[in-house]
Amino acid sequence: MATKITPFLMFEGKAEEAMNFYVSLFENSRVISIQRYGPGEAGAEGSVMQAAFSVAGQTIMCIDSPMKHGFTFTPATSLFVDCGSEAELDKLFAKLSESGQVMMPPGDYGFSRKFAWVSDCYGVSWQLNLPNV
């Protein structure tokens, strides 16, 4: 079997909500699998033990950590999205920045036609790029 690398997102109780949100934003996206904690297991019953989903063809895994950690997501690691149109970038920016944080508003920063960088309401960082043609 060949080596495979899959982005992995750890949440504290919001994994399923975030996963469903991301799947709703992108075409060619779906929940692949979801395993939940049962009674007496390490995590809260019904929360996500492990899930896999696909956004725009990229598989991502996520969990609801049963432990509290002294860290969360950081913009140093982000999901980079090459958008197919300015309208798509604007739509994604509006939805991902809602209740999140705008680190770079949509604009021309010299390296692409349009670019934006946001941290969504779950703390996941997204770079939205409209490449030069």
N, C-alpha and C. Protein backbone atom coordinates (compact mmCIF):
# COMPACT_ATOMS: atom_id res chain seq x y z
N MET A 1 0.84 -1.19 0.00
CA MET A 1 0.00 0.00 0.00
C MET A 1 0.88 1.25 0.00
N ALA A 2 0.52 2.23 -0.79
CA ALA A 2 1.27 3.48 -0.87
C ALA A 2 0.98 4.37 0.34
N THR A 3 1.94 5.17 0.70
CA THR A 3 1.75 6.13 1.78
C THR A 3 0.69 7.14 1.38
N LYS A 4 -0.15 7.50 2.33
CA LYS A 4 -1.22 8.47 2.07
C LYS A 4 -1.24 9.47 3.22
N ILE A 5 -1.41 10.74 2.91
CA ILE A 5 -1.49 11.78 3.93
C ILE A 5 -2.88 12.41 3.87
N THR A 6 -3.53 12.48 5.02
CA THR A 6 -4.88 13.03 5.11
C THR A 6 -4.92 14.11 6.18
N PRO A 7 -5.39 15.32 5.86
CA PRO A 7 -5.57 16.33 6.91
C PRO A 7 -6.50 15.81 8.00
N PHE A 8 -6.20 16.15 9.25
CA PHE A 8 -6.94 15.65 10.42
C PHE A 8 -7.27 16.82 11.33
N LEU A 9 -8.54 17.03 11.60
CA LEU A 9 -9.01 18.15 12.41
C LEU A 9 -9.56 17.64 13.74
N MET A 10 -9.07 18.19 14.83
CA MET A 10 -9.53 17.79 16.16
C MET A 10 -10.39 18.90 16.77
N PHE A 11 -11.61 18.55 17.08
CA PHE A 11 -12.55 19.49 17.69
C PHE A 11 -12.84 19.05 19.12
N GLU A 12 -13.49 19.92 19.86
CA GLU A 12 -13.95 19.57 21.21
C GLU A 12 -15.47 19.72 21.24
N GLY A 13 -16.16 18.80 20.56
CA GLY A 13 -17.61 18.77 20.59
C GLY A 13 -18.31 19.32 19.36
N LYS A 14 -17.59 19.83 18.37
CA LYS A 14 -18.22 20.43 17.19
C LYS A 14 -17.83 19.75 15.88
N ALA A 15 -17.24 18.56 15.94
CA ALA A 15 -16.74 17.91 14.73
C ALA A 15 -17.84 17.66 13.70
N GLU A 16 -18.94 17.10 14.11
CA GLU A 16 -20.01 16.79 13.15
C GLU A 16 -20.61 18.06 12.56
N GLU A 17 -20.82 19.05 13.39
CA GLU A 17 -21.36 20.33 12.91
C GLU A 17 -20.42 20.97 11.89
N ALA A 18 -19.13 20.99 12.20
CA ALA A 18 -18.15 21.57 11.28
C ALA A 18 -18.09 20.77 9.98
N MET A 19 -18.03 19.45 10.10
CA MET A 19 -17.97 18.59 8.92
C MET A 19 -19.16 18.83 8.00
N ASN A 20 -20.34 18.88 8.55
CA ASN A 20 -21.55 19.12 7.74
C ASN A 20 -21.53 20.51 7.11
N PHE A 21 -21.01 21.48 7.82
CA PHE A 21 -20.88 22.84 7.28
C PHE A 21 -19.94 22.83 6.08
N TYR A 22 -18.77 22.23 6.22
CA TYR A 22 -17.80 22.20 5.12
C TYR A 22 -18.36 21.46 3.90
N VAL A 23 -19.01 20.34 4.13
CA VAL A 23 -19.60 19.56 3.03
C VAL A 23 -20.65 20.39 2.29
N SER A 24 -21.37 21.24 3.02
CA SER A 24 -22.42 22.06 2.38
C SER A 24 -21.84 23.17 1.51
N LEU A 25 -20.59 23.55 1.71
CA LEU A 25 -20.00 24.68 1.00
C LEU A 25 -19.42 24.35 -0.36
N PHE A 26 -19.01 23.11 -0.55
CA PHE A 26 -18.25 22.75 -1.75
C PHE A 26 -18.97 21.68 -2.56
N GLU A 27 -18.93 21.86 -3.89
CA GLU A 27 -19.42 20.81 -4.78
C GLU A 27 -18.51 19.60 -4.63
N ASN A 28 -19.02 18.43 -5.04
CA ASN A 28 -18.24 17.20 -4.99
C ASN A 28 -17.77 16.93 -3.56
N SER A 29 -18.70 17.07 -2.60
CA SER A 29 -18.37 16.88 -1.19
C SER A 29 -19.39 15.97 -0.54
N ARG A 30 -18.92 15.18 0.46
CA ARG A 30 -19.84 14.27 1.15
C ARG A 30 -19.20 13.75 2.43
N VAL A 31 -20.05 13.29 3.33
CA VAL A 31 -19.57 12.58 4.51
C VAL A 31 -19.29 11.15 4.06
N ILE A 32 -18.09 10.68 4.33
CA ILE A 32 -17.69 9.33 3.92
C ILE A 32 -18.04 8.32 5.00
N SER A 33 -17.67 8.63 6.24
CA SER A 33 -17.95 7.71 7.35
C SER A 33 -17.98 8.48 8.66
N ILE A 34 -18.67 7.90 9.63
CA ILE A 34 -18.70 8.51 10.96
C ILE A 34 -18.88 7.40 11.99
N GLN A 35 -18.01 7.41 12.99
CA GLN A 35 -18.12 6.51 14.13
C GLN A 35 -18.35 7.37 15.36
N ARG A 36 -19.26 6.95 16.19
CA ARG A 36 -19.60 7.73 17.38
C ARG A 36 -19.21 6.99 18.66
N TYR A 37 -18.93 7.79 19.69
CA TYR A 37 -18.69 7.20 21.00
C TYR A 37 -20.00 6.63 21.53
N GLY A 38 -19.91 5.45 22.13
CA GLY A 38 -21.07 4.82 22.74
C GLY A 38 -21.06 5.02 24.24
N PRO A 39 -22.06 4.46 24.92
CA PRO A 39 -22.13 4.58 26.38
C PRO A 39 -20.88 4.01 27.05
N GLY A 40 -20.34 4.76 28.00
CA GLY A 40 -19.19 4.30 28.78
C GLY A 40 -17.85 4.38 28.05
N GLU A 41 -17.83 4.91 26.84
CA GLU A 41 -16.56 5.04 26.12
C GLU A 41 -15.91 6.37 26.49
N ALA A 42 -14.70 6.59 25.99
CA ALA A 42 -13.88 7.75 26.39
C ALA A 42 -14.53 9.10 26.12
N GLY A 43 -15.26 9.24 25.02
CA GLY A 43 -15.87 10.51 24.66
C GLY A 43 -17.33 10.58 25.04
N ALA A 44 -17.91 11.77 24.91
CA ALA A 44 -19.33 11.96 25.19
C ALA A 44 -20.15 11.09 24.25
N GLU A 45 -21.11 10.38 24.79
CA GLU A 45 -21.94 9.49 23.99
C GLU A 45 -22.55 10.24 22.80
N GLY A 46 -22.40 9.66 21.60
CA GLY A 46 -22.94 10.26 20.39
C GLY A 46 -22.00 11.22 19.69
N SER A 47 -20.93 11.65 20.38
CA SER A 47 -19.99 12.55 19.73
C SER A 47 -19.10 11.76 18.76
N VAL A 48 -18.35 12.47 17.94
CA VAL A 48 -17.58 11.84 16.87
C VAL A 48 -16.28 11.23 17.39
N MET A 49 -16.20 9.90 17.31
CA MET A 49 -14.97 9.19 17.65
C MET A 49 -13.98 9.34 16.49
N GLN A 50 -14.50 9.21 15.29
CA GLN A 50 -13.70 9.43 14.09
C GLN A 50 -14.64 9.54 12.90
N ALA A 51 -14.37 10.51 12.05
CA ALA A 51 -15.18 10.69 10.83
C ALA A 51 -14.25 11.04 9.68
N ALA A 52 -14.73 10.74 8.49
CA ALA A 52 -14.02 11.13 7.27
C ALA A 52 -15.04 11.79 6.35
N PHE A 53 -14.60 12.86 5.71
CA PHE A 53 -15.46 13.54 4.76
C PHE A 53 -14.61 14.04 3.61
N SER A 54 -15.27 14.34 2.53
CA SER A 54 -14.59 14.81 1.33
C SER A 54 -15.12 16.18 0.98
N VAL A 55 -14.22 17.14 0.78
CA VAL A 55 -14.60 18.47 0.30
C VAL A 55 -13.86 18.71 -1.00
N ALA A 56 -14.63 18.96 -2.05
CA ALA A 56 -14.06 19.18 -3.38
C ALA A 56 -13.06 18.08 -3.75
N GLY A 57 -13.37 16.86 -3.34
CA GLY A 57 -12.52 15.72 -3.68
C GLY A 57 -11.38 15.44 -2.71
N GLN A 58 -11.12 16.32 -1.74
CA GLN A 58 -10.04 16.12 -0.76
C GLN A 58 -10.60 15.48 0.51
N THR A 59 -10.09 14.32 0.88
CA THR A 59 -10.54 13.65 2.10
C THR A 59 -9.90 14.31 3.31
N ILE A 60 -10.73 14.54 4.32
CA ILE A 60 -10.29 15.11 5.60
C ILE A 60 -10.89 14.25 6.70
N MET A 61 -10.14 14.02 7.76
CA MET A 61 -10.66 13.29 8.91
C MET A 61 -10.90 14.28 10.05
N CYS A 62 -11.80 13.89 10.98
CA CYS A 62 -12.02 14.73 12.16
C CYS A 62 -12.47 13.88 13.33
N ILE A 63 -12.30 14.45 14.52
CA ILE A 63 -12.75 13.82 15.76
C ILE A 63 -13.25 14.90 16.72
N ASP A 64 -13.99 14.44 17.71
CA ASP A 64 -14.26 15.23 18.91
C ASP A 64 -13.36 14.65 19.98
N SER A 65 -12.35 15.39 20.38
CA SER A 65 -11.42 14.89 21.38
C SER A 65 -12.14 14.69 22.71
N PRO A 66 -11.94 13.54 23.33
CA PRO A 66 -12.56 13.34 24.64
C PRO A 66 -11.83 14.09 25.75
N MET A 67 -10.66 14.63 25.44
CA MET A 67 -9.88 15.37 26.43
C MET A 67 -9.82 16.84 26.06
N LYS A 68 -9.76 17.68 27.04
CA LYS A 68 -9.54 19.11 26.82
C LYS A 68 -8.04 19.33 26.64
N HIS A 69 -7.70 20.17 25.70
CA HIS A 69 -6.30 20.45 25.41
C HIS A 69 -6.03 21.93 25.60
N GLY A 70 -4.80 22.27 25.82
CA GLY A 70 -4.39 23.67 25.98
C GLY A 70 -4.08 24.32 24.65
N PHE A 71 -4.58 23.75 23.57
CA PHE A 71 -4.33 24.30 22.23
C PHE A 71 -5.56 24.09 21.36
N THR A 72 -5.57 24.78 20.27
CA THR A 72 -6.63 24.63 19.27
C THR A 72 -5.99 24.85 17.90
N PHE A 73 -6.78 25.16 16.92
CA PHE A 73 -6.24 25.39 15.58
C PHE A 73 -5.42 26.68 15.54
N THR A 74 -4.50 26.74 14.60
CA THR A 74 -3.68 27.93 14.41
C THR A 74 -3.62 28.26 12.93
N PRO A 75 -3.54 29.53 12.56
CA PRO A 75 -3.43 29.89 11.15
C PRO A 75 -2.14 29.40 10.49
N ALA A 76 -1.18 28.93 11.29
CA ALA A 76 0.06 28.42 10.70
C ALA A 76 -0.22 27.20 9.82
N THR A 77 -1.32 26.54 10.06
CA THR A 77 -1.78 25.43 9.21
C THR A 77 -3.15 25.81 8.70
N SER A 78 -3.32 25.75 7.39
CA SER A 78 -4.60 26.16 6.81
C SER A 78 -4.96 25.26 5.64
N LEU A 79 -6.20 25.35 5.23
CA LEU A 79 -6.68 24.67 4.03
C LEU A 79 -6.65 25.69 2.90
N PHE A 80 -5.94 25.39 1.84
CA PHE A 80 -5.75 26.30 0.72
C PHE A 80 -6.70 25.89 -0.39
N VAL A 81 -7.55 26.83 -0.81
CA VAL A 81 -8.58 26.55 -1.81
C VAL A 81 -8.32 27.40 -3.05
N ASP A 82 -8.06 26.74 -4.18
CA ASP A 82 -8.02 27.44 -5.46
C ASP A 82 -9.45 27.48 -5.98
N CYS A 83 -10.02 28.67 -6.03
CA CYS A 83 -11.41 28.86 -6.45
C CYS A 83 -11.48 28.94 -7.97
N GLY A 84 -12.60 28.49 -8.52
CA GLY A 84 -12.79 28.51 -9.96
C GLY A 84 -13.29 29.83 -10.50
N SER A 85 -13.81 30.68 -9.62
CA SER A 85 -14.34 31.97 -10.06
C SER A 85 -14.32 32.96 -8.90
N GLU A 86 -14.43 34.23 -9.25
CA GLU A 86 -14.50 35.27 -8.22
C GLU A 86 -15.77 35.12 -7.39
N ALA A 87 -16.87 34.72 -8.04
CA ALA A 87 -18.13 34.53 -7.33
C ALA A 87 -18.00 33.42 -6.28
N GLU A 88 -17.29 32.35 -6.63
CA GLU A 88 -17.08 31.26 -5.69
C GLU A 88 -16.25 31.73 -4.50
N LEU A 89 -15.17 32.46 -4.77
CA LEU A 89 -14.34 32.98 -3.69
C LEU A 89 -15.16 33.89 -2.77
N ASP A 90 -15.95 34.77 -3.34
CA ASP A 90 -16.77 35.69 -2.54
C ASP A 90 -17.79 34.94 -1.69
N LYS A 91 -18.40 33.90 -2.26
CA LYS A 91 -19.39 33.09 -1.53
C LYS A 91 -18.72 32.37 -0.37
N LEU A 92 -17.59 31.72 -0.64
CA LEU A 92 -16.87 31.00 0.41
C LEU A 92 -16.39 31.96 1.49
N PHE A 93 -15.88 33.11 1.09
CA PHE A 93 -15.43 34.10 2.06
C PHE A 93 -16.57 34.51 2.99
N ALA A 94 -17.73 34.81 2.41
CA ALA A 94 -18.88 35.24 3.22
C ALA A 94 -19.28 34.17 4.22
N LYS A 95 -19.35 32.92 3.79
CA LYS A 95 -19.80 31.84 4.68
C LYS A 95 -18.75 31.45 5.71
N LEU A 96 -17.49 31.37 5.28
CA LEU A 96 -16.43 30.95 6.20
C LEU A 96 -16.06 32.05 7.21
N SER A 97 -16.22 33.30 6.84
CA SER A 97 -15.84 34.38 7.76
C SER A 97 -16.97 34.73 8.74
N GLU A 98 -18.19 34.25 8.47
CA GLU A 98 -19.31 34.54 9.36
C GLU A 98 -19.02 33.96 10.75
N SER A 99 -19.02 34.78 11.75
CA SER A 99 -18.69 34.43 13.13
C SER A 99 -17.25 33.94 13.28
N GLY A 100 -16.43 34.21 12.28
CA GLY A 100 -15.02 33.83 12.34
C GLY A 100 -14.16 35.07 12.40
N GLN A 101 -12.95 34.96 11.88
CA GLN A 101 -12.00 36.07 11.91
C GLN A 101 -11.41 36.26 10.52
N VAL A 102 -11.41 37.48 10.04
CA VAL A 102 -10.80 37.81 8.75
C VAL A 102 -9.35 38.20 9.01
N MET A 103 -8.44 37.43 8.43
CA MET A 103 -7.01 37.74 8.58
C MET A 103 -6.51 38.57 7.40
N MET A 104 -7.05 38.30 6.22
CA MET A 104 -6.75 39.10 5.02
C MET A 104 -8.05 39.21 4.23
N PRO A 105 -8.64 40.39 4.14
CA PRO A 105 -9.90 40.53 3.38
C PRO A 105 -9.65 40.29 1.90
N PRO A 106 -10.70 39.97 1.15
CA PRO A 106 -10.52 39.73 -0.28
C PRO A 106 -9.86 40.93 -0.96
N GLY A 107 -8.83 40.63 -1.74
CA GLY A 107 -8.13 41.70 -2.44
C GLY A 107 -7.06 41.16 -3.36
N ASP A 108 -6.42 42.07 -4.04
CA ASP A 108 -5.30 41.75 -4.92
C ASP A 108 -4.02 42.01 -4.14
N TYR A 109 -3.34 40.95 -3.75
CA TYR A 109 -2.10 41.07 -2.98
C TYR A 109 -0.87 40.87 -3.86
N GLY A 110 -1.09 40.83 -5.18
CA GLY A 110 0.02 40.75 -6.11
C GLY A 110 0.41 39.36 -6.56
N PHE A 111 -0.06 38.33 -5.88
CA PHE A 111 0.35 36.97 -6.25
C PHE A 111 -0.77 36.16 -6.90
N SER A 112 -1.97 36.73 -6.96
CA SER A 112 -3.10 36.09 -7.63
C SER A 112 -4.11 37.19 -7.97
N ARG A 113 -5.15 36.82 -8.70
CA ARG A 113 -6.15 37.83 -9.06
C ARG A 113 -6.92 38.31 -7.84
N LYS A 114 -7.21 37.40 -6.91
CA LYS A 114 -7.92 37.75 -5.69
C LYS A 114 -7.59 36.70 -4.64
N PHE A 115 -7.48 37.15 -3.39
CA PHE A 115 -7.09 36.27 -2.31
C PHE A 115 -7.75 36.73 -1.02
N ALA A 116 -8.09 35.78 -0.16
CA ALA A 116 -8.61 36.09 1.18
C ALA A 116 -8.14 34.99 2.13
N TRP A 117 -8.01 35.34 3.40
CA TRP A 117 -7.60 34.38 4.42
C TRP A 117 -8.50 34.59 5.63
N VAL A 118 -9.17 33.52 6.05
CA VAL A 118 -10.10 33.59 7.17
C VAL A 118 -9.91 32.42 8.12
N SER A 119 -10.32 32.63 9.33
CA SER A 119 -10.46 31.56 10.31
C SER A 119 -11.95 31.44 10.56
N ASP A 120 -12.52 30.26 10.34
CA ASP A 120 -13.97 30.11 10.45
C ASP A 120 -14.42 30.05 11.92
N CYS A 121 -15.70 29.90 12.13
CA CYS A 121 -16.26 29.93 13.49
C CYS A 121 -15.79 28.74 14.34
N TYR A 122 -15.17 27.72 13.73
CA TYR A 122 -14.63 26.57 14.45
C TYR A 122 -13.13 26.72 14.70
N GLY A 123 -12.54 27.79 14.16
CA GLY A 123 -11.12 28.04 14.34
C GLY A 123 -10.24 27.51 13.23
N VAL A 124 -10.83 26.86 12.22
CA VAL A 124 -10.05 26.32 11.10
C VAL A 124 -9.73 27.46 10.13
N SER A 125 -8.48 27.50 9.69
CA SER A 125 -7.99 28.57 8.82
C SER A 125 -8.11 28.15 7.35
N TRP A 126 -8.60 29.08 6.52
CA TRP A 126 -8.81 28.85 5.09
C TRP A 126 -8.16 29.97 4.29
N GLN A 127 -7.36 29.60 3.29
CA GLN A 127 -6.83 30.55 2.33
C GLN A 127 -7.63 30.35 1.03
N LEU A 128 -8.27 31.41 0.59
CA LEU A 128 -9.11 31.36 -0.62
C LEU A 128 -8.39 32.11 -1.71
N ASN A 129 -8.12 31.44 -2.81
CA ASN A 129 -7.27 31.98 -3.85
C ASN A 129 -7.97 31.90 -5.21
N LEU A 130 -7.91 33.00 -5.95
CA LEU A 130 -8.35 33.00 -7.36
C LEU A 130 -7.07 33.12 -8.17
N PRO A 131 -6.58 31.99 -8.71
CA PRO A 131 -5.27 32.02 -9.37
C PRO A 131 -5.24 32.87 -10.62
N ASN A 132 -4.04 33.34 -10.94
CA ASN A 132 -3.84 34.00 -12.22
C ASN A 132 -4.05 32.97 -13.32
N VAL A 133 -4.67 33.39 -14.41
CA VAL A 133 -4.90 32.45 -15.52
C VAL A 133 -3.76 32.38 -16.47
